[in-house]
Amino acid sequence: MTPPSQNTGQNSRTVVNGRGYPWPAAPVVVICVDGSEPAYHERAIADGRMPFLEGMLGTGSDLRAECTMPSFTNPNNLSIATGVPPAVHGICGNYFYDAQAGVEVMMNDPELLRAPTLFAEFSQRGAKVAVITAKDKLRRLLGRGLSDGICFSAEKADQLTVEANGIDKVLERVGMELPSVYSAELSELVLAAGVDVLENERPELIYLSLTDYIQHKHAPGSRVANDFYAMMDGYLARLDALGAVVVVTADHGMNAKSNGDGTPQVVYLQELLDGLSAGPLGEGAARVVLPITDPYTVHHGALGSYATVHLPEGADVSGVGSELSALEGIVEVITREEACERFELPGDRIGELVVIADRNTALGTTPDRHDVSGFKEPLRSHGGLTEQQVPFLVNRSGIRLPNGHRLRNFDSYWVGTALAAGKQPQY
């Protein structure tokens, strides 16, 4: 059950989903750099492409955190937005199988969210809040309950109205044209709009969620990746100059998932399950769900390193799990109960088994369901345990976490609001 939110007035702690957040005396900007494993900014700094961030980390805080599992976009963005894991907010992937209804569902409907966001709660207390996402799939979820604030996606920046989004004419304000959804410029538009909104509207809370189009295609230290991070460096400098507490984190990391010849390295689970001896199964009896699936599959082909398996009644769960565990490229197969306890997941939205691949392997259903014909670069993807470590960079120093605290990406506003109030994060 979600703990009640307590609203007791400004200059006090706002309790959202059981966690306390001081009212910030300065704006707090959290940037979720989609797919940004630490090596990206480390290489860019080493190559002289992020001079501001290099200086910021010399006087600020250069930490590492863990993202939630599975290491996909929707569960982690919603964890950052709510301050709690998927077991509380309910979003456990980009996609899930509703076993009761017998349908597969894209997890972008606000009604699927089981906990209030920080944005809605702070807004209801009178705070100015701005939520700017790259992709429209997140905008509806993150904007749930945010009736009086700025909320829009860069993808739809040419369709904004004050009535629906709290802002209009963003492209004119920042001097950009509408970018392609498959471009670095989509993330740049988010950052440019964030700077513009901070300067002109001065919200207490700002959330900027980028896209991982670059990270899916280009490794850390590559020219294209360094160009992207150099672009971001300029916007970080502007946010800092405007007096905001800035927290830079990520929803997940990214790794190569390819064979030596550059072809995708994939274990096709549905194909294998249809032929397993542990039964009773048979063709199509088991259902493999890939929670990476979303409307934007051009750069990953719905291939990630995490899957759930729904088995028919009477199936030998332990036997199926043992056979899958023996496959090359699979590092773990655990039961629903184990996954819920270990990864803090909602049990009614995952299968009887959770399958996790190794660092360089992706999971698919059957070869004919994954179109990789358009890949110009070797597959890079995420979802597993090897993509859990993410940056946690802050333009303030002296952060003192409670003893034994396990830093997570969804601690971003807990840390940021405390620092902006001149305090330390407290339980």
Protein backbone atom coordinates (compact mmCIF):
# COMPACT_ATOMS: atom_id res chain seq x y z
CA MET A 1 0.00 0.00 0.00
CA THR A 2 1.34 3.46 -0.89
CA PRO A 3 2.06 5.58 2.22
CA PRO A 4 -0.01 8.77 2.29
CA SER A 5 1.54 12.03 1.19
CA GLN A 6 1.69 14.71 3.87
CA ASN A 7 1.50 18.36 2.86
CA THR A 8 2.25 20.70 5.75
CA GLY A 9 3.16 24.00 4.05
CA GLN A 10 6.26 25.54 2.57
CA ASN A 11 9.56 25.58 4.46
CA SER A 12 8.78 22.14 5.87
CA ARG A 13 9.24 18.59 4.70
CA THR A 14 6.92 17.28 2.04
CA VAL A 15 6.42 13.56 2.48
CA VAL A 16 5.77 11.70 -0.76
CA ASN A 17 5.48 7.91 -0.84
CA GLY A 18 6.98 7.71 2.63
CA ARG A 19 10.04 9.88 1.90
CA GLY A 20 10.67 13.42 3.12
CA TYR A 21 11.74 16.29 0.84
CA PRO A 22 12.59 19.76 2.21
CA TRP A 23 11.18 22.76 0.37
CA PRO A 24 14.09 23.93 -1.81
CA ALA A 25 15.40 27.48 -1.45
CA ALA A 26 16.94 27.23 -4.93
CA PRO A 27 15.67 25.47 -8.06
CA VAL A 28 16.48 21.75 -8.28
CA VAL A 29 17.15 20.43 -11.77
CA VAL A 30 17.43 16.66 -12.23
CA ILE A 31 18.69 15.48 -15.62
CA CYS A 32 18.16 11.86 -16.60
CA VAL A 33 20.70 11.23 -19.38
CA ASP A 34 19.13 8.18 -20.97
CA GLY A 35 21.58 5.28 -21.35
CA SER A 36 24.52 7.16 -19.86
CA GLU A 37 26.94 4.71 -18.28
CA PRO A 38 29.73 6.56 -16.42
CA ALA A 39 32.29 5.83 -19.15
CA TYR A 40 30.57 8.32 -21.46
CA HIS A 41 31.28 11.42 -19.41
CA GLU A 42 34.61 10.03 -18.17
CA ARG A 43 35.89 9.59 -21.72
CA ALA A 44 34.52 12.95 -22.84
CA ILE A 45 36.29 14.67 -19.94
CA ALA A 46 39.53 12.79 -20.67
CA ASP A 47 39.30 13.91 -24.30
CA GLY A 48 38.86 17.55 -23.28
CA ARG A 49 35.24 17.78 -24.46
CA MET A 50 33.51 18.58 -21.13
CA PRO A 51 35.51 21.35 -19.47
CA PHE A 52 32.60 22.60 -17.38
CA LEU A 53 31.73 19.17 -16.00
CA GLU A 54 35.39 18.49 -15.24
CA GLY A 55 35.52 21.66 -13.18
CA MET A 56 32.14 21.00 -11.60
CA LEU A 57 33.20 17.60 -10.37
CA GLY A 58 36.32 19.13 -8.88
CA THR A 59 34.19 21.29 -6.61
CA GLY A 60 31.02 19.19 -6.56
CA SER A 61 30.25 15.48 -6.13
CA ASP A 62 31.14 12.62 -8.48
CA LEU A 63 29.18 9.62 -7.21
CA ARG A 64 27.84 6.35 -8.61
CA ALA A 65 24.37 4.98 -8.05
CA GLU A 66 22.31 1.96 -9.03
CA CYS A 67 19.27 2.14 -11.25
CA THR A 68 16.23 -0.02 -10.65
CA MET A 69 15.79 -3.37 -12.34
CA PRO A 70 14.99 -3.98 -15.06
CA SER A 71 17.41 -1.34 -16.33
CA PHE A 72 14.91 0.14 -18.79
CA THR A 73 13.57 3.63 -19.40
CA ASN A 74 10.04 3.67 -17.99
CA PRO A 75 10.63 1.97 -14.61
CA ASN A 76 13.63 4.16 -13.87
CA ASN A 77 12.11 7.46 -14.96
CA LEU A 78 9.08 6.73 -12.80
CA SER A 79 11.29 5.72 -9.89
CA ILE A 80 13.10 9.07 -10.15
CA ALA A 81 9.74 10.85 -10.38
CA THR A 82 8.22 9.07 -7.37
CA GLY A 83 11.33 8.42 -5.26
CA VAL A 84 10.46 4.73 -4.84
CA PRO A 85 11.03 1.41 -6.66
CA PRO A 86 8.64 -0.31 -9.10
CA ALA A 87 7.06 -2.41 -6.32
CA VAL A 88 5.46 0.84 -5.13
CA HIS A 89 4.80 2.78 -8.33
CA GLY A 90 3.94 -0.27 -10.45
CA ILE A 91 5.82 0.56 -13.66
CA CYS A 92 8.11 -2.44 -14.17
CA GLY A 93 8.99 -2.04 -17.84
CA ASN A 94 8.11 -0.24 -21.02
CA TYR A 95 5.76 -3.12 -21.77
CA PHE A 96 4.08 -5.94 -19.82
CA TYR A 97 1.62 -8.82 -20.15
CA ASP A 98 -1.65 -8.37 -18.26
CA ALA A 99 -2.31 -12.02 -17.41
CA GLN A 100 -5.80 -11.31 -16.06
CA ALA A 101 -6.93 -9.56 -19.24
CA GLY A 102 -4.80 -11.77 -21.49
CA VAL A 103 -3.31 -8.81 -23.38
CA GLU A 104 0.10 -7.24 -23.81
CA VAL A 105 0.15 -3.61 -22.74
CA MET A 106 2.44 -0.65 -23.42
CA MET A 107 3.18 0.92 -20.03
CA ASN A 108 2.52 4.54 -20.97
CA ASP A 109 -1.02 4.92 -19.60
CA PRO A 110 -1.08 7.12 -16.46
CA GLU A 111 -3.71 4.82 -14.97
CA LEU A 112 -1.04 2.13 -14.61
CA LEU A 113 0.87 4.32 -12.13
CA ARG A 114 0.20 3.27 -8.53
CA ALA A 115 1.88 6.14 -6.64
CA PRO A 116 1.86 9.94 -6.87
CA THR A 117 4.84 11.72 -8.37
CA LEU A 118 6.92 14.34 -6.59
CA PHE A 119 5.93 16.73 -9.36
CA ALA A 120 2.21 16.42 -8.66
CA GLU A 121 2.64 16.63 -4.90
CA PHE A 122 4.92 19.69 -4.94
CA SER A 123 2.66 21.35 -7.50
CA GLN A 124 -0.37 20.84 -5.28
CA ARG A 125 1.50 22.67 -2.51
CA GLY A 126 2.11 25.68 -4.73
CA ALA A 127 5.50 24.89 -6.23
CA LYS A 128 6.26 25.69 -9.83
CA VAL A 129 7.21 22.45 -11.59
CA ALA A 130 8.50 21.77 -15.11
CA VAL A 131 8.76 18.30 -16.64
CA ILE A 132 10.36 18.12 -20.09
CA THR A 133 10.92 14.77 -21.79
CA ALA A 134 12.42 13.81 -25.11
CA LYS A 135 9.81 11.19 -25.98
CA ASP A 136 6.09 11.57 -25.63
CA LYS A 137 5.73 8.05 -24.17
CA LEU A 138 6.97 9.37 -20.81
CA ARG A 139 5.20 12.70 -20.82
CA ARG A 140 1.79 11.30 -19.89
CA LEU A 141 3.12 9.14 -17.04
CA LEU A 142 5.34 11.82 -15.55
CA GLY A 143 2.64 14.45 -15.87
CA ARG A 144 -0.04 12.52 -14.02
CA GLY A 145 -1.65 14.76 -11.42
CA LEU A 146 0.36 17.79 -12.52
CA SER A 147 -2.57 20.10 -13.18
CA ASP A 148 -0.75 23.41 -12.81
CA GLY A 149 2.74 23.16 -14.23
CA ILE A 150 4.81 22.86 -17.39
CA CYS A 151 4.84 19.41 -18.93
CA PHE A 152 5.69 18.55 -22.52
CA SER A 153 7.79 16.33 -24.77
CA ALA A 154 10.34 17.59 -27.27
CA GLU A 155 8.86 15.11 -29.72
CA LYS A 156 5.62 17.16 -29.78
CA ALA A 157 7.15 20.59 -29.22
CA ASP A 158 5.39 21.99 -32.28
CA GLN A 159 1.96 21.18 -30.83
CA LEU A 160 2.13 22.81 -27.38
CA THR A 161 -0.58 24.96 -25.84
CA VAL A 162 -0.65 26.85 -22.56
CA GLU A 163 -3.89 25.08 -21.66
CA ALA A 164 -2.55 21.55 -22.20
CA ASN A 165 1.16 21.95 -21.48
CA GLY A 166 1.55 25.10 -19.41
CA ILE A 167 3.69 26.63 -22.16
CA ASP A 168 3.70 27.26 -25.91
CA LYS A 169 6.03 28.48 -28.68
CA VAL A 170 8.98 26.58 -27.20
CA LEU A 171 10.70 26.18 -30.56
CA GLU A 172 10.55 29.95 -31.06
CA ARG A 173 11.77 30.57 -27.52
CA VAL A 174 14.90 28.42 -27.95
CA GLY A 175 15.50 29.10 -31.65
CA MET A 176 15.34 25.49 -32.83
CA GLU A 177 13.38 23.53 -35.40
CA LEU A 178 11.52 20.36 -34.44
CA PRO A 179 14.10 17.53 -34.48
CA SER A 180 13.63 13.94 -35.54
CA VAL A 181 12.77 11.56 -32.70
CA TYR A 182 15.85 9.58 -33.81
CA SER A 183 18.44 12.29 -33.28
CA ALA A 184 20.80 13.90 -30.77
CA GLU A 185 18.95 17.17 -31.35
CA LEU A 186 15.86 15.81 -29.57
CA SER A 187 17.86 15.70 -26.33
CA GLU A 188 19.38 19.09 -27.07
CA LEU A 189 15.89 20.57 -27.38
CA VAL A 190 15.05 19.21 -23.89
CA LEU A 191 18.17 20.85 -22.45
CA ALA A 192 17.65 24.14 -24.30
CA ALA A 193 14.04 24.30 -23.13
CA GLY A 194 15.10 23.47 -19.58
CA VAL A 195 17.54 26.39 -19.53
CA ASP A 196 14.93 28.73 -21.01
CA VAL A 197 12.26 27.68 -18.50
CA LEU A 198 14.67 27.97 -15.57
CA GLU A 199 15.68 31.46 -16.64
CA ASN A 200 12.17 32.76 -17.29
CA GLU A 201 9.71 30.78 -15.14
CA ARG A 202 12.10 29.81 -12.31
CA PRO A 203 10.38 26.58 -11.13
CA GLU A 204 11.30 24.96 -7.83
CA LEU A 205 11.57 21.53 -9.51
CA ILE A 206 12.65 20.77 -13.07
CA TYR A 207 12.98 17.33 -14.61
CA LEU A 208 14.77 16.87 -17.94
CA SER A 209 14.63 13.38 -19.44
CA LEU A 210 16.74 12.78 -22.55
CA THR A 211 16.81 10.00 -25.16
CA ASP A 212 19.42 7.25 -25.58
CA TYR A 213 19.51 7.33 -29.38
CA ILE A 214 23.24 8.22 -29.35
CA GLN A 215 24.18 5.70 -26.66
CA HIS A 216 22.42 2.87 -28.52
CA LYS A 217 24.60 3.55 -31.54
CA HIS A 218 27.92 4.94 -30.32
CA ALA A 219 30.35 3.74 -27.64
CA PRO A 220 31.98 5.96 -25.00
CA GLY A 221 34.86 7.96 -26.42
CA SER A 222 33.65 7.77 -30.01
CA ARG A 223 33.51 11.02 -31.96
CA VAL A 224 29.71 11.11 -32.08
CA ALA A 225 29.34 10.32 -28.38
CA ASN A 226 31.91 12.95 -27.42
CA ASP A 227 30.13 15.53 -29.59
CA PHE A 228 26.88 14.76 -27.77
CA TYR A 229 28.44 15.13 -24.32
CA ALA A 230 30.23 18.32 -25.38
CA MET A 231 26.85 19.75 -26.37
CA MET A 232 25.43 18.76 -22.99
CA ASP A 233 28.38 20.37 -21.19
CA GLY A 234 27.38 23.80 -22.43
CA TYR A 235 23.85 23.44 -21.08
CA LEU A 236 25.11 22.17 -17.71
CA ALA A 237 27.22 25.32 -17.43
CA ARG A 238 24.17 27.51 -18.11
CA LEU A 239 21.99 25.68 -15.56
CA ASP A 240 24.71 26.05 -12.96
CA ALA A 241 25.17 29.75 -13.73
CA LEU A 242 21.45 30.26 -13.14
CA GLY A 243 21.89 29.10 -9.54
CA ALA A 244 20.21 25.71 -9.67
CA VAL A 245 21.19 22.62 -7.74
CA VAL A 246 21.87 20.25 -10.63
CA VAL A 247 21.80 16.45 -10.30
CA VAL A 248 22.86 14.44 -13.36
CA THR A 249 21.98 10.76 -13.35
CA ALA A 250 20.73 8.10 -15.80
CA ASP A 251 17.95 5.57 -16.13
CA HIS A 252 20.38 2.81 -17.13
CA GLY A 253 23.77 2.16 -18.68
CA MET A 254 24.53 0.63 -22.08
CA ASN A 255 26.67 -2.20 -23.43
CA ALA A 256 27.53 -3.79 -26.77
CA LYS A 257 25.38 -6.86 -27.52
CA SER A 258 27.13 -8.15 -30.62
CA ASN A 259 29.27 -10.97 -31.95
CA GLY A 260 32.78 -10.40 -33.25
CA ASP A 261 31.46 -9.79 -36.77
CA GLY A 262 29.09 -7.07 -35.55
CA THR A 263 25.89 -9.12 -35.80
CA PRO A 264 23.55 -9.04 -32.76
CA GLN A 265 24.30 -11.66 -30.12
CA VAL A 266 20.83 -12.84 -29.15
CA VAL A 267 19.25 -15.73 -27.27
CA TYR A 268 15.77 -16.22 -28.75
CA LEU A 269 13.81 -17.40 -25.73
CA GLN A 270 10.43 -18.09 -27.33
CA GLU A 271 12.04 -20.30 -29.93
CA LEU A 272 13.84 -22.22 -27.22
CA LEU A 273 10.86 -22.48 -24.87
CA ASP A 274 8.70 -23.97 -27.59
CA GLY A 275 11.16 -26.84 -27.83
CA LEU A 276 12.07 -27.39 -24.16
CA SER A 277 11.62 -30.80 -22.64
CA ALA A 278 10.43 -29.46 -19.27
CA GLY A 279 6.69 -29.37 -19.61
CA PRO A 280 3.92 -29.57 -20.23
CA LEU A 281 4.67 -26.74 -22.67
CA GLY A 282 4.42 -27.12 -26.42
CA GLU A 283 4.54 -24.43 -29.06
CA GLY A 284 3.19 -21.10 -27.89
CA ALA A 285 2.21 -22.33 -24.42
CA ALA A 286 4.81 -20.16 -22.71
CA ARG A 287 4.85 -16.42 -23.36
CA VAL A 288 8.06 -14.41 -23.45
CA VAL A 289 7.64 -10.70 -22.69
CA LEU A 290 10.42 -8.24 -23.48
CA PRO A 291 9.85 -5.15 -21.30
CA ILE A 292 12.25 -3.06 -23.43
CA THR A 293 9.56 -2.96 -26.12
CA ASP A 294 8.31 0.55 -26.85
CA PRO A 295 7.18 2.53 -29.92
CA TYR A 296 10.81 3.45 -30.76
CA THR A 297 12.51 0.21 -31.83
CA VAL A 298 14.66 1.51 -34.70
CA HIS A 299 17.79 1.69 -32.57
CA HIS A 300 17.37 -1.47 -30.47
CA GLY A 301 14.96 -3.78 -32.29
CA ALA A 302 13.21 -4.59 -28.96
CA LEU A 303 16.33 -6.52 -27.91
CA GLY A 304 17.49 -6.07 -24.31
CA SER A 305 19.08 -8.19 -21.59
CA TYR A 306 15.99 -8.81 -19.44
CA ALA A 307 12.83 -10.82 -20.08
CA THR A 308 9.95 -12.30 -18.14
CA VAL A 309 8.36 -15.66 -18.95
CA HIS A 310 4.71 -16.47 -18.33
CA LEU A 311 4.09 -20.21 -18.05
CA PRO A 312 0.82 -22.12 -18.31
CA GLU A 313 -0.80 -23.63 -15.24
CA GLY A 314 0.85 -26.92 -14.32
CA ALA A 315 4.17 -26.13 -15.99
CA ASP A 316 7.34 -27.23 -14.24
CA VAL A 317 8.62 -23.77 -13.27
CA SER A 318 11.78 -25.10 -11.66
CA GLY A 319 12.53 -27.38 -14.59
CA VAL A 320 12.03 -24.65 -17.18
CA GLY A 321 14.19 -22.32 -15.14
CA SER A 322 16.97 -24.91 -14.93
CA GLU A 323 16.99 -25.49 -18.68
CA LEU A 324 17.07 -21.77 -19.43
CA SER A 325 19.85 -21.26 -16.88
CA ALA A 326 22.04 -23.70 -18.78
CA LEU A 327 21.92 -21.65 -21.99
CA GLU A 328 25.03 -19.79 -23.07
CA GLY A 329 24.62 -16.06 -22.53
CA ILE A 330 22.15 -16.42 -19.63
CA VAL A 331 23.50 -15.38 -16.23
CA GLU A 332 20.40 -15.74 -14.06
CA VAL A 333 16.92 -17.22 -14.14
CA ILE A 334 14.91 -16.51 -10.99
CA THR A 335 11.33 -17.01 -9.91
CA ARG A 336 8.72 -14.29 -9.61
CA GLU A 337 9.01 -14.37 -5.82
CA GLU A 338 12.79 -14.04 -5.92
CA ALA A 339 12.61 -11.21 -8.46
CA CYS A 340 10.06 -9.27 -6.39
CA GLU A 341 12.19 -9.52 -3.26
CA ARG A 342 15.53 -8.81 -4.91
CA PHE A 343 14.52 -6.18 -7.48
CA GLU A 344 11.49 -4.64 -5.72
CA LEU A 345 9.04 -5.46 -8.51
CA PRO A 346 5.21 -5.70 -8.58
CA GLY A 347 4.46 -9.43 -8.69
CA ASP A 348 1.23 -9.12 -10.66
CA ARG A 349 3.02 -7.53 -13.61
CA ILE A 350 5.82 -10.03 -14.24
CA GLY A 351 5.89 -13.68 -15.26
CA GLU A 352 6.69 -16.83 -13.30
CA LEU A 353 10.33 -16.47 -14.33
CA VAL A 354 12.71 -13.55 -14.88
CA VAL A 355 15.61 -14.14 -17.28
CA ILE A 356 18.74 -11.98 -17.29
CA ALA A 357 21.44 -12.16 -19.95
CA ASP A 358 25.14 -11.42 -19.60
CA ARG A 359 26.92 -8.18 -20.46
CA ASN A 360 27.17 -8.78 -24.21
CA THR A 361 23.99 -10.79 -24.88
CA ALA A 362 20.46 -9.65 -25.67
CA LEU A 363 17.21 -11.59 -25.31
CA GLY A 364 14.59 -11.95 -28.03
CA THR A 365 11.47 -13.97 -28.78
CA THR A 366 11.93 -15.49 -32.26
CA PRO A 367 14.19 -14.19 -35.04
CA ASP A 368 11.28 -13.24 -37.30
CA ARG A 369 9.86 -10.83 -34.66
CA HIS A 370 12.96 -8.61 -34.47
CA ASP A 371 13.84 -6.44 -37.42
CA VAL A 372 17.58 -5.67 -37.29
CA SER A 373 17.92 -5.09 -41.02
CA GLY A 374 18.21 -1.33 -40.57
CA PHE A 375 21.08 -1.46 -38.07
CA LYS A 376 24.08 0.48 -39.38
CA GLU A 377 26.09 -0.01 -36.17
CA PRO A 378 26.51 -3.10 -33.96
CA LEU A 379 23.70 -3.54 -31.41
CA ARG A 380 24.11 -1.73 -28.11
CA SER A 381 21.40 -2.22 -25.48
CA HIS A 382 20.52 -2.60 -21.80
CA GLY A 383 18.15 -4.16 -19.30
CA GLY A 384 20.41 -6.42 -17.26
CA LEU A 385 22.50 -6.20 -14.13
CA THR A 386 25.54 -5.01 -16.09
CA GLU A 387 23.72 -1.78 -16.98
CA GLN A 388 22.75 -0.96 -13.38
CA GLN A 389 25.58 1.40 -12.46
CA VAL A 390 24.80 4.99 -13.40
CA PRO A 391 26.32 8.42 -12.72
CA PHE A 392 25.15 10.57 -9.83
CA LEU A 393 26.81 13.94 -10.42
CA VAL A 394 25.95 17.02 -8.36
CA ASN A 395 27.17 20.61 -8.60
CA ARG A 396 27.41 20.78 -4.80
CA SER A 397 30.00 19.24 -2.49
CA GLY A 398 29.87 17.81 1.02
CA ILE A 399 27.02 15.34 0.53
CA ARG A 400 26.70 13.15 3.63
CA LEU A 401 24.42 10.17 3.16
CA PRO A 402 23.07 8.22 6.14
CA ASN A 403 25.32 5.34 7.20
CA GLY A 404 24.87 2.30 5.01
CA HIS A 405 22.64 4.08 2.49
CA ARG A 406 22.53 2.41 -0.92
CA LEU A 407 22.55 5.28 -3.39
CA ARG A 408 19.96 4.88 -6.16
CA ASN A 409 19.14 7.07 -9.12
CA PHE A 410 15.73 7.69 -7.57
CA ASP A 411 17.45 9.48 -4.67
CA SER A 412 18.01 12.43 -7.01
CA TYR A 413 15.33 14.76 -5.61
CA TRP A 414 15.88 13.51 -2.05
CA VAL A 415 19.51 14.65 -2.30
CA GLY A 416 18.80 17.71 -4.48
CA THR A 417 16.03 19.24 -2.36
CA ALA A 418 18.06 18.72 0.82
CA LEU A 419 21.08 20.52 -0.64
CA ALA A 420 18.86 23.30 -2.01
CA ALA A 421 17.47 23.78 1.50
CA GLY A 422 20.95 23.92 3.02
CA LYS A 423 20.54 20.51 4.63
CA GLN A 424 21.72 16.93 4.28
CA PRO A 425 19.55 14.01 3.04
CA GLN A 426 17.67 12.46 5.98
CA TYR A 427 15.31 9.54 6.35
